[in-house]
């Protein structure tokens, strides 16, 4: 599959406060550094996944005044998503995701344990750690990098293979997984997406709606069962 890079790779250097003093740090990373860069610095040293386009390496930086290198000296990264509900960064062969600050931490840990369970080894891409850590008040999970389907060529999506994986998933007994298994989040995600769209689109003005596509999306969502859009218990 082809990989489409939507944003340029960035190279990060340590940030210093006025006067040359190191800025306040979070996990050894200055708090003045944007969250995506802090996430990239959080990724452990690891070579890129074979047969994947590698993020260009950052040349060695000179030692700082204390004779030590900071985590940011070797943290090239690519931003895959940057939203309040999820910031996703790729660095080397690892993808790190900062989940929403209000994420249910216990439910997230259960999902991560389930994704790592041997019963699903042939179905799900396992996270690199069993539980979520925290960066700047947001739970963080680590994953191996995989090749996405090019959104400009959806016909390349391996639908038959995806169907086989889905069938394997449904054949896995829920009781065999580390639980309790949380409820599916799809309906809640649909409800939140519709709410965000409504806030972004705003009300219709005298010349019509500024985003006419929003009406079509609302109409399509309205045809879903109430439980599927978070309007009723599943």
C-alpha atoms as a PDB file:
ATOM      1  CA  UNK A   1       0.000   0.000   0.000  1.00  0.00           C
ATOM      2  CA  UNK A   2       1.101   3.560  -0.525  1.00  0.00           C
ATOM      3  CA  UNK A   3       1.658   5.867   2.404  1.00  0.00           C
ATOM      4  CA  UNK A   4       0.504   9.450   2.120  1.00  0.00           C
ATOM      5  CA  UNK A   5       2.299  11.963   4.307  1.00  0.00           C
ATOM      6  CA  UNK A   6      -0.032  14.889   4.915  1.00  0.00           C
ATOM      7  CA  UNK A   7       2.326  17.062   6.940  1.00  0.00           C
ATOM      8  CA  UNK A   8       6.039  17.721   6.735  1.00  0.00           C
ATOM      9  CA  UNK A   9       8.457  16.016   9.071  1.00  0.00           C
ATOM     10  CA  UNK A  10       9.668  18.389  11.741  1.00  0.00           C
ATOM     11  CA  UNK A  11      12.942  18.567  13.580  1.00  0.00           C
ATOM     12  CA  UNK A  12      12.883  19.683  17.153  1.00  0.00           C
ATOM     13  CA  UNK A  13      15.516  21.439  19.192  1.00  0.00           C
ATOM     14  CA  UNK A  14      15.513  22.267  22.904  1.00  0.00           C
ATOM     15  CA  UNK A  15      13.638  25.401  23.942  1.00  0.00           C
ATOM     16  CA  UNK A  16      15.234  27.804  26.390  1.00  0.00           C
ATOM     17  CA  UNK A  17      13.697  30.606  28.371  1.00  0.00           C
ATOM     18  CA  UNK A  18      15.108  34.168  28.244  1.00  0.00           C
ATOM     19  CA  UNK A  19      18.600  34.355  29.704  1.00  0.00           C
ATOM     20  CA  UNK A  20      19.584  30.938  28.364  1.00  0.00           C
ATOM     21  CA  UNK A  21      18.096  28.971  31.268  1.00  0.00           C
ATOM     22  CA  UNK A  22      16.298  25.720  30.421  1.00  0.00           C
ATOM     23  CA  UNK A  23      12.533  26.160  30.237  1.00  0.00           C
ATOM     24  CA  UNK A  24      10.300  24.274  32.717  1.00  0.00           C
ATOM     25  CA  UNK A  25      10.161  20.617  31.778  1.00  0.00           C
ATOM     26  CA  UNK A  26       7.574  17.851  31.514  1.00  0.00           C
ATOM     27  CA  UNK A  27       9.182  14.379  31.314  1.00  0.00           C
ATOM     28  CA  UNK A  28      12.451  16.119  30.472  1.00  0.00           C
ATOM     29  CA  UNK A  29      10.786  18.142  27.699  1.00  0.00           C
ATOM     30  CA  UNK A  30      10.266  21.917  28.059  1.00  0.00           C
ATOM     31  CA  UNK A  31       6.596  22.749  28.562  1.00  0.00           C
ATOM     32  CA  UNK A  32       6.950  25.474  25.940  1.00  0.00           C
ATOM     33  CA  UNK A  33       7.423  22.777  23.291  1.00  0.00           C
ATOM     34  CA  UNK A  34       4.179  21.910  21.415  1.00  0.00           C
ATOM     35  CA  UNK A  35       2.432  18.715  22.437  1.00  0.00           C
ATOM     36  CA  UNK A  36       3.266  16.821  19.203  1.00  0.00           C
ATOM     37  CA  UNK A  37       6.986  17.427  19.783  1.00  0.00           C
ATOM     38  CA  UNK A  38       6.678  16.353  23.412  1.00  0.00           C
ATOM     39  CA  UNK A  39       5.002  13.139  22.267  1.00  0.00           C
ATOM     40  CA  UNK A  40       7.792  12.499  19.760  1.00  0.00           C
ATOM     41  CA  UNK A  41      10.372  12.898  22.512  1.00  0.00           C
ATOM     42  CA  UNK A  42       8.393  10.416  24.605  1.00  0.00           C
ATOM     43  CA  UNK A  43       8.842   7.670  21.986  1.00  0.00           C
ATOM     44  CA  UNK A  44      11.592   5.197  22.965  1.00  0.00           C
ATOM     45  CA  UNK A  45      14.647   4.822  20.771  1.00  0.00           C
ATOM     46  CA  UNK A  46      13.653   2.305  18.136  1.00  0.00           C
ATOM     47  CA  UNK A  47      14.476   1.807  14.444  1.00  0.00           C
ATOM     48  CA  UNK A  48      11.806   2.396  11.848  1.00  0.00           C
ATOM     49  CA  UNK A  49       9.624  -0.557  10.917  1.00  0.00           C
ATOM     50  CA  UNK A  50      11.172  -2.438   7.969  1.00  0.00           C
ATOM     51  CA  UNK A  51       9.764  -1.638   4.532  1.00  0.00           C
ATOM     52  CA  UNK A  52       8.181   1.570   5.810  1.00  0.00           C
ATOM     53  CA  UNK A  53       9.361   5.031   4.730  1.00  0.00           C
ATOM     54  CA  UNK A  54      11.499   6.252   7.600  1.00  0.00           C
ATOM     55  CA  UNK A  55      11.249   9.657   9.172  1.00  0.00           C
ATOM     56  CA  UNK A  56      14.527  11.460   8.318  1.00  0.00           C
ATOM     57  CA  UNK A  57      17.022  11.360  11.150  1.00  0.00           C
ATOM     58  CA  UNK A  58      18.078  14.510  12.928  1.00  0.00           C
ATOM     59  CA  UNK A  59      21.855  15.106  12.913  1.00  0.00           C
ATOM     60  CA  UNK A  60      23.618  15.033  16.250  1.00  0.00           C
ATOM     61  CA  UNK A  61      23.213  18.270  18.159  1.00  0.00           C
ATOM     62  CA  UNK A  62      26.024  19.717  20.241  1.00  0.00           C
ATOM     63  CA  UNK A  63      25.997  18.892  23.913  1.00  0.00           C
ATOM     64  CA  UNK A  64      24.194  21.353  26.143  1.00  0.00           C
ATOM     65  CA  UNK A  65      25.845  23.345  28.911  1.00  0.00           C
ATOM     66  CA  UNK A  66      25.451  20.440  31.337  1.00  0.00           C
ATOM     67  CA  UNK A  67      27.161  18.074  28.906  1.00  0.00           C
ATOM     68  CA  UNK A  68      23.948  16.136  28.249  1.00  0.00           C
ATOM     69  CA  UNK A  69      21.658  15.799  25.276  1.00  0.00           C
ATOM     70  CA  UNK A  70      17.960  16.461  25.732  1.00  0.00           C
ATOM     71  CA  UNK A  71      15.258  14.030  24.505  1.00  0.00           C
ATOM     72  CA  UNK A  72      14.382  16.496  21.747  1.00  0.00           C
ATOM     73  CA  UNK A  73      17.801  16.320  20.104  1.00  0.00           C
ATOM     74  CA  UNK A  74      16.834  13.066  18.361  1.00  0.00           C
ATOM     75  CA  UNK A  75      13.078  13.304  17.900  1.00  0.00           C
ATOM     76  CA  UNK A  76      12.079  13.791  14.242  1.00  0.00           C
ATOM     77  CA  UNK A  77       8.343  13.379  13.946  1.00  0.00           C
ATOM     78  CA  UNK A  78       5.324  13.593  11.679  1.00  0.00           C
ATOM     79  CA  UNK A  79       1.938  14.837  12.879  1.00  0.00           C
ATOM     80  CA  UNK A  80      -0.811  12.467  11.743  1.00  0.00           C
ATOM     81  CA  UNK A  81      -3.646  14.156  13.673  1.00  0.00           C
ATOM     82  CA  UNK A  82      -3.866  17.044  16.119  1.00  0.00           C
ATOM     83  CA  UNK A  83      -7.301  17.517  17.686  1.00  0.00           C
ATOM     84  CA  UNK A  84      -8.543  17.996  21.247  1.00  0.00           C
ATOM     85  CA  UNK A  85      -9.913  14.445  21.203  1.00  0.00           C
ATOM     86  CA  UNK A  86      -6.697  12.906  19.908  1.00  0.00           C
ATOM     87  CA  UNK A  87      -3.173  13.981  18.932  1.00  0.00           C
ATOM     88  CA  UNK A  88      -1.283  11.349  16.956  1.00  0.00           C
ATOM     89  CA  UNK A  89       2.415  11.565  16.112  1.00  0.00           C
ATOM     90  CA  UNK A  90       4.728   9.196  14.286  1.00  0.00           C
ATOM     91  CA  UNK A  91       8.389   9.102  15.277  1.00  0.00           C
ATOM     92  CA  UNK A  92      10.664   6.434  13.836  1.00  0.00           C
ATOM     93  CA  UNK A  93       8.701   3.174  13.714  1.00  0.00           C
ATOM     94  CA  UNK A  94       6.354   4.138  16.537  1.00  0.00           C
ATOM     95  CA  UNK A  95       3.044   5.975  16.664  1.00  0.00           C
ATOM     96  CA  UNK A  96       2.158   7.733  19.920  1.00  0.00           C
ATOM     97  CA  UNK A  97      -1.376   8.927  20.648  1.00  0.00           C
ATOM     98  CA  UNK A  98      -2.430  11.424  23.281  1.00  0.00           C
ATOM     99  CA  UNK A  99      -6.073  10.647  23.999  1.00  0.00           C
ATOM    100  CA  UNK A 100      -8.618  13.228  25.121  1.00  0.00           C
ATOM    101  CA  UNK A 101      -8.027  14.581  28.608  1.00  0.00           C
ATOM    102  CA  UNK A 102     -11.455  13.374  29.768  1.00  0.00           C
ATOM    103  CA  UNK A 103     -10.867   9.793  28.571  1.00  0.00           C
ATOM    104  CA  UNK A 104     -12.010   7.083  30.958  1.00  0.00           C
ATOM    105  CA  UNK A 105      -8.556   5.849  31.996  1.00  0.00           C
ATOM    106  CA  UNK A 106      -9.752   2.520  33.413  1.00  0.00           C
ATOM    107  CA  UNK A 107     -11.709   1.686  30.248  1.00  0.00           C
ATOM    108  CA  UNK A 108      -8.739   2.711  28.083  1.00  0.00           C
ATOM    109  CA  UNK A 109      -6.424   0.409  30.019  1.00  0.00           C
ATOM    110  CA  UNK A 110      -8.868  -2.469  29.514  1.00  0.00           C
ATOM    111  CA  UNK A 111      -8.977  -1.797  25.775  1.00  0.00           C
ATOM    112  CA  UNK A 112      -5.187  -1.769  25.597  1.00  0.00           C
ATOM    113  CA  UNK A 113      -4.967  -5.047  27.487  1.00  0.00           C
ATOM    114  CA  UNK A 114      -7.540  -6.596  25.167  1.00  0.00           C
ATOM    115  CA  UNK A 115      -5.636  -5.403  22.088  1.00  0.00           C
ATOM    116  CA  UNK A 116      -2.476  -7.087  23.451  1.00  0.00           C
ATOM    117  CA  UNK A 117      -4.185 -10.337  24.383  1.00  0.00           C
ATOM    118  CA  UNK A 118      -2.843 -13.446  22.579  1.00  0.00           C
ATOM    119  CA  UNK A 119      -6.401 -14.423  21.610  1.00  0.00           C
ATOM    120  CA  UNK A 120      -6.436 -11.458  19.222  1.00  0.00           C
ATOM    121  CA  UNK A 121      -2.842 -11.666  18.039  1.00  0.00           C
ATOM    122  CA  UNK A 122      -3.940 -12.449  14.474  1.00  0.00           C
ATOM    123  CA  UNK A 123      -6.662  -9.782  14.473  1.00  0.00           C
ATOM    124  CA  UNK A 124      -5.522  -6.543  16.112  1.00  0.00           C
ATOM    125  CA  UNK A 125      -2.336  -4.522  15.967  1.00  0.00           C
ATOM    126  CA  UNK A 126      -1.135  -4.733  19.579  1.00  0.00           C
ATOM    127  CA  UNK A 127      -0.054  -1.608  21.468  1.00  0.00           C
ATOM    128  CA  UNK A 128       3.565  -1.518  22.585  1.00  0.00           C
ATOM    129  CA  UNK A 129       2.576  -1.186  26.250  1.00  0.00           C
ATOM    130  CA  UNK A 130      -0.239  -2.770  28.211  1.00  0.00           C
ATOM    131  CA  UNK A 131      -1.392   0.443  29.886  1.00  0.00           C
ATOM    132  CA  UNK A 132      -1.560   4.151  29.151  1.00  0.00           C
ATOM    133  CA  UNK A 133       0.983   6.610  30.504  1.00  0.00           C
ATOM    134  CA  UNK A 134       0.387  10.340  30.830  1.00  0.00           C
ATOM    135  CA  UNK A 135       1.865  13.368  29.108  1.00  0.00           C
ATOM    136  CA  UNK A 136       0.619  16.830  30.064  1.00  0.00           C
ATOM    137  CA  UNK A 137      -2.524  15.528  31.669  1.00  0.00           C
ATOM    138  CA  UNK A 138      -3.539  13.341  28.730  1.00  0.00           C
ATOM    139  CA  UNK A 139      -3.354   9.530  28.622  1.00  0.00           C
ATOM    140  CA  UNK A 140      -0.863   8.310  26.041  1.00  0.00           C
ATOM    141  CA  UNK A 141      -0.586   4.981  24.218  1.00  0.00           C
ATOM    142  CA  UNK A 142       2.192   3.641  21.981  1.00  0.00           C
ATOM    143  CA  UNK A 143       1.652   1.622  18.804  1.00  0.00           C
ATOM    144  CA  UNK A 144       3.761   0.185  15.976  1.00  0.00           C
ATOM    145  CA  UNK A 145       3.562   2.141  12.734  1.00  0.00           C
ATOM    146  CA  UNK A 146       1.647   0.552   9.876  1.00  0.00           C
ATOM    147  CA  UNK A 147       0.937   1.532   6.281  1.00  0.00           C
ATOM    148  CA  UNK A 148      -2.447   3.252   5.923  1.00  0.00           C
ATOM    149  CA  UNK A 149      -4.579   3.119   2.808  1.00  0.00           C
ATOM    150  CA  UNK A 150      -4.061   6.185   0.655  1.00  0.00           C
ATOM    151  CA  UNK A 151      -7.261   8.243   1.119  1.00  0.00           C
ATOM    152  CA  UNK A 152      -6.947   9.383  -2.504  1.00  0.00           C
ATOM    153  CA  UNK A 153      -7.156   5.746  -3.635  1.00  0.00           C
ATOM    154  CA  UNK A 154      -9.810   4.038  -1.496  1.00  0.00           C
ATOM    155  CA  UNK A 155     -10.094   1.339  -4.129  1.00  0.00           C
ATOM    156  CA  UNK A 156      -6.767   0.017  -2.812  1.00  0.00           C
ATOM    157  CA  UNK A 157      -8.310  -0.853   0.546  1.00  0.00           C
ATOM    158  CA  UNK A 158      -8.042  -4.618   1.214  1.00  0.00           C
ATOM    159  CA  UNK A 159     -11.744  -5.093   1.928  1.00  0.00           C
ATOM    160  CA  UNK A 160     -11.666  -8.894   1.717  1.00  0.00           C
ATOM    161  CA  UNK A 161      -8.816  -9.130   4.210  1.00  0.00           C
ATOM    162  CA  UNK A 162     -10.605  -6.664   6.477  1.00  0.00           C
ATOM    163  CA  UNK A 163     -13.731  -8.810   6.339  1.00  0.00           C
ATOM    164  CA  UNK A 164     -11.727 -11.872   7.356  1.00  0.00           C
ATOM    165  CA  UNK A 165     -10.249  -9.999  10.316  1.00  0.00           C
ATOM    166  CA  UNK A 166     -13.708  -8.843  11.373  1.00  0.00           C
ATOM    167  CA  UNK A 167     -14.989 -12.395  11.188  1.00  0.00           C
ATOM    168  CA  UNK A 168     -12.104 -13.603  13.372  1.00  0.00           C
ATOM    169  CA  UNK A 169     -12.844 -10.865  15.862  1.00  0.00           C
ATOM    170  CA  UNK A 170     -16.497 -11.896  16.154  1.00  0.00           C
ATOM    171  CA  UNK A 171     -15.505 -15.535  16.564  1.00  0.00           C
ATOM    172  CA  UNK A 172     -13.392 -14.676  19.627  1.00  0.00           C
ATOM    173  CA  UNK A 173     -15.377 -15.371  22.835  1.00  0.00           C
ATOM    174  CA  UNK A 174     -15.660 -12.213  24.924  1.00  0.00           C
ATOM    175  CA  UNK A 175     -15.154 -14.324  28.035  1.00  0.00           C
ATOM    176  CA  UNK A 176     -11.682 -15.279  26.830  1.00  0.00           C
ATOM    177  CA  UNK A 177     -10.522 -11.661  26.907  1.00  0.00           C
ATOM    178  CA  UNK A 178      -9.298  -9.656  29.920  1.00  0.00           C
ATOM    179  CA  UNK A 179     -12.321  -7.728  31.042  1.00  0.00           C
ATOM    180  CA  UNK A 180     -14.723  -6.410  31.790  1.00  0.00           C
ATOM    181  CA  UNK A 181     -15.031  -5.660  28.076  1.00  0.00           C
ATOM    182  CA  UNK A 182     -16.158  -2.009  27.721  1.00  0.00           C
ATOM    183  CA  UNK A 183     -19.134  -1.191  25.502  1.00  0.00           C
ATOM    184  CA  UNK A 184     -18.441  -0.149  21.930  1.00  0.00           C
ATOM    185  CA  UNK A 185     -17.687   3.532  21.495  1.00  0.00           C
ATOM    186  CA  UNK A 186     -18.992   3.989  17.952  1.00  0.00           C
ATOM    187  CA  UNK A 187     -22.388   5.504  18.876  1.00  0.00           C
ATOM    188  CA  UNK A 188     -20.808   7.937  21.347  1.00  0.00           C
ATOM    189  CA  UNK A 189     -18.251   8.961  18.724  1.00  0.00           C
ATOM    190  CA  UNK A 190     -21.017   9.618  16.186  1.00  0.00           C
ATOM    191  CA  UNK A 191     -22.859  11.789  18.710  1.00  0.00           C
ATOM    192  CA  UNK A 192     -19.724  13.784  19.538  1.00  0.00           C
ATOM    193  CA  UNK A 193     -18.874  14.221  15.849  1.00  0.00           C
ATOM    194  CA  UNK A 194     -22.346  15.557  15.088  1.00  0.00           C
ATOM    195  CA  UNK A 195     -22.096  17.927  18.036  1.00  0.00           C
ATOM    196  CA  UNK A 196     -18.684  19.224  16.912  1.00  0.00           C
ATOM    197  CA  UNK A 197     -19.958  19.653  13.370  1.00  0.00           C
ATOM    198  CA  UNK A 198     -22.937  21.616  14.630  1.00  0.00           C
ATOM    199  CA  UNK A 199     -20.709  23.981  16.594  1.00  0.00           C
ATOM    200  CA  UNK A 200     -18.348  24.464  13.656  1.00  0.00           C
ATOM    201  CA  UNK A 201     -21.077  24.967  11.056  1.00  0.00           C
ATOM    202  CA  UNK A 202     -23.198  27.338  13.128  1.00  0.00           C
ATOM    203  CA  UNK A 203     -26.779  28.346  12.346  1.00  0.00           C
ATOM    204  CA  UNK A 204     -28.039  29.083   8.855  1.00  0.00           C
ATOM    205  CA  UNK A 205     -27.945  32.767   7.938  1.00  0.00           C
ATOM    206  CA  UNK A 206     -30.132  34.855   5.591  1.00  0.00           C
ATOM    207  CA  UNK A 207     -28.226  33.508   2.584  1.00  0.00           C
ATOM    208  CA  UNK A 208     -28.403  29.888   3.600  1.00  0.00           C
ATOM    209  CA  UNK A 209     -26.128  27.595   5.516  1.00  0.00           C
ATOM    210  CA  UNK A 210     -22.387  28.392   5.285  1.00  0.00           C
ATOM    211  CA  UNK A 211     -21.661  24.645   5.130  1.00  0.00           C
ATOM    212  CA  UNK A 212     -24.454  23.022   3.106  1.00  0.00           C
ATOM    213  CA  UNK A 213     -22.725  19.630   3.421  1.00  0.00           C
ATOM    214  CA  UNK A 214     -23.610  19.643   7.124  1.00  0.00           C
ATOM    215  CA  UNK A 215     -27.308  19.290   6.323  1.00  0.00           C
ATOM    216  CA  UNK A 216     -26.638  16.195   4.223  1.00  0.00           C
ATOM    217  CA  UNK A 217     -24.570  14.642   6.990  1.00  0.00           C
ATOM    218  CA  UNK A 218     -27.296  15.351   9.571  1.00  0.00           C
ATOM    219  CA  UNK A 219     -29.888  13.812   7.254  1.00  0.00           C
ATOM    220  CA  UNK A 220     -27.763  10.681   6.762  1.00  0.00           C
ATOM    221  CA  UNK A 221     -27.185  10.364  10.507  1.00  0.00           C
ATOM    222  CA  UNK A 222     -30.906  10.731  11.097  1.00  0.00           C
ATOM    223  CA  UNK A 223     -31.512   7.559   9.070  1.00  0.00           C
ATOM    224  CA  UNK A 224     -29.378   5.529  11.482  1.00  0.00           C
ATOM    225  CA  UNK A 225     -31.061   3.698  14.358  1.00  0.00           C
ATOM    226  CA  UNK A 226     -31.167   5.866  17.468  1.00  0.00           C
ATOM    227  CA  UNK A 227     -28.706   3.611  19.310  1.00  0.00           C
ATOM    228  CA  UNK A 228     -26.184   3.850  16.453  1.00  0.00           C
ATOM    229  CA  UNK A 229     -25.945   7.645  16.810  1.00  0.00           C
ATOM    230  CA  UNK A 230     -25.875   7.685  20.589  1.00  0.00           C
ATOM    231  CA  UNK A 231     -29.472   8.844  20.978  1.00  0.00           C
ATOM    232  CA  UNK A 232     -30.646   5.690  22.784  1.00  0.00           C
ATOM    233  CA  UNK A 233     -29.075   2.825  24.762  1.00  0.00           C
ATOM    234  CA  UNK A 234     -27.362   0.249  22.578  1.00  0.00           C
END
